[in-house]
Amino acid sequence: MADDRGSSAAVLLAFLSGAALGAVAALLLAPESSNESRERLRRYARKAEDRLHGMAGRAGEVFEEVVGQGKDFVETKKSVLRDAFEAGRQAMREERDRMRGGGSHEA
């Protein structure tokens, strides 16, 4: 699962980098004035910033969700281990009591 997240992040980074480079190249090669180009770059930068903030927010939400699921998983496993340990202790007590009880019957 970690590999999936790593490769997804790499694809997203490559896509965003390609989009940014393509936008810059298009603006530099476009037949418009430098003022128009600068304004278009500003608009693009604002849109990109808004999208990145949204993606960062979503990434934070996903991270918190995964951490919560991890905590739940650990708690579940701790509970299972605690129950198994207690069952083992109880079985040991019962066997000890049986051994003691069995010895008194033979005497």
Protein backbone atom coordinates (compact mmCIF):
# COMPACT_ATOMS: atom_id res chain seq x y z
CA MET A 1 0.00 0.00 0.00
CA ALA A 2 2.89 2.35 0.73
CA ASP A 3 4.23 1.70 -2.78
CA ASP A 4 0.85 2.71 -4.26
CA ARG A 5 0.91 6.01 -2.37
CA GLY A 6 4.52 6.68 -3.38
CA SER A 7 3.88 6.00 -7.06
CA SER A 8 0.66 8.03 -6.99
CA ALA A 9 2.52 10.96 -5.47
CA ALA A 10 5.23 10.67 -8.12
CA VAL A 11 2.64 10.62 -10.93
CA LEU A 12 0.86 13.63 -9.42
CA LEU A 13 4.12 15.54 -9.05
CA ALA A 14 5.11 14.72 -12.64
CA PHE A 15 1.69 15.83 -13.89
CA LEU A 16 1.80 19.12 -11.97
CA SER A 17 5.36 19.80 -13.11
CA GLY A 18 4.44 19.11 -16.72
CA ALA A 19 1.36 21.31 -16.48
CA ALA A 20 3.39 24.17 -15.01
CA LEU A 21 6.12 23.89 -17.64
CA GLY A 22 3.55 23.69 -20.42
CA ALA A 23 1.75 26.78 -19.14
CA VAL A 24 4.97 28.77 -18.90
CA ALA A 25 6.05 27.69 -22.40
CA ALA A 26 2.63 28.59 -23.83
CA LEU A 27 2.73 32.01 -22.21
CA LEU A 28 6.25 32.73 -23.38
CA LEU A 29 5.49 31.69 -26.95
CA ALA A 30 2.04 33.31 -27.15
CA PRO A 31 1.68 36.33 -29.45
CA GLU A 32 0.47 38.81 -26.80
CA SER A 33 1.96 41.73 -24.94
CA SER A 34 4.13 41.27 -21.87
CA ASN A 35 1.45 42.86 -19.66
CA GLU A 36 -1.13 40.37 -20.90
CA SER A 37 1.33 37.54 -20.38
CA ARG A 38 2.11 38.65 -16.84
CA GLU A 39 -1.57 38.90 -15.99
CA ARG A 40 -2.23 35.48 -17.41
CA LEU A 41 0.69 34.09 -15.37
CA ARG A 42 -0.73 35.70 -12.21
CA ARG A 43 -4.15 34.15 -12.83
CA TYR A 44 -2.58 30.77 -13.49
CA ALA A 45 -0.45 31.06 -10.34
CA ARG A 46 -3.53 31.94 -8.24
CA LYS A 47 -5.46 28.99 -9.63
CA ALA A 48 -2.51 26.66 -9.08
CA GLU A 49 -2.11 27.93 -5.52
CA ASP A 50 -5.80 27.37 -4.78
CA ARG A 51 -5.63 23.85 -6.20
CA LEU A 52 -2.50 23.04 -4.21
CA HIS A 53 -4.12 24.31 -1.00
CA GLY A 54 -7.12 22.10 -1.73
CA MET A 55 -4.91 19.09 -2.42
CA ALA A 56 -2.86 19.75 0.72
CA GLY A 57 -6.05 19.94 2.76
CA ARG A 58 -7.30 16.69 1.29
CA ALA A 59 -3.92 15.04 1.89
CA GLY A 60 -4.12 16.12 5.54
CA GLU A 61 -7.61 14.64 5.84
CA VAL A 62 -6.49 11.36 4.29
CA PHE A 63 -3.46 11.25 6.59
CA GLU A 64 -5.64 11.77 9.67
CA GLU A 65 -8.03 9.08 8.45
CA VAL A 66 -5.21 6.59 7.92
CA VAL A 67 -3.71 7.38 11.33
CA GLY A 68 -7.13 6.84 12.90
CA GLN A 69 -7.50 3.51 11.14
CA GLY A 70 -4.01 2.53 12.30
CA LYS A 71 -4.89 3.37 15.91
CA ASP A 72 -8.10 1.33 15.64
CA PHE A 73 -6.14 -1.60 14.21
CA VAL A 74 -3.58 -1.46 17.02
CA GLU A 75 -6.31 -1.24 19.67
CA THR A 76 -8.09 -4.25 18.15
CA LYS A 77 -4.90 -6.31 18.14
CA LYS A 78 -4.06 -5.25 21.70
CA SER A 79 -7.52 -6.33 22.79
CA VAL A 80 -7.15 -9.71 21.06
CA LEU A 81 -3.73 -10.27 22.64
CA ARG A 82 -5.00 -9.19 26.06
CA ASP A 83 -7.94 -11.63 25.78
CA ALA A 84 -5.65 -14.45 24.65
CA PHE A 85 -3.22 -13.76 27.49
CA GLU A 86 -6.05 -13.73 30.01
CA ALA A 87 -7.44 -17.00 28.59
CA GLY A 88 -3.97 -18.55 28.96
CA ARG A 89 -3.69 -17.37 32.55
CA GLN A 90 -7.12 -18.75 33.33
CA ALA A 91 -6.26 -22.11 31.75
CA MET A 92 -3.03 -22.22 33.78
CA ARG A 93 -4.96 -21.51 37.02
CA GLU A 94 -7.50 -24.20 36.21
CA GLU A 95 -4.77 -26.73 35.44
CA ARG A 96 -2.90 -25.81 38.65
CA ASP A 97 -6.13 -26.18 40.65
CA ARG A 98 -6.82 -29.51 38.94
CA MET A 99 -3.33 -30.73 39.75
CA ARG A 100 -3.70 -29.71 43.39
CA GLY A 101 -7.17 -31.20 43.59
CA GLY A 102 -6.03 -34.41 41.95
CA GLY A 103 -3.17 -34.82 44.46
CA SER A 104 -5.49 -34.53 47.46
CA HIS A 105 -7.80 -37.25 46.09
CA GLU A 106 -4.94 -39.76 45.91
CA ALA A 107 -3.79 -39.13 49.50
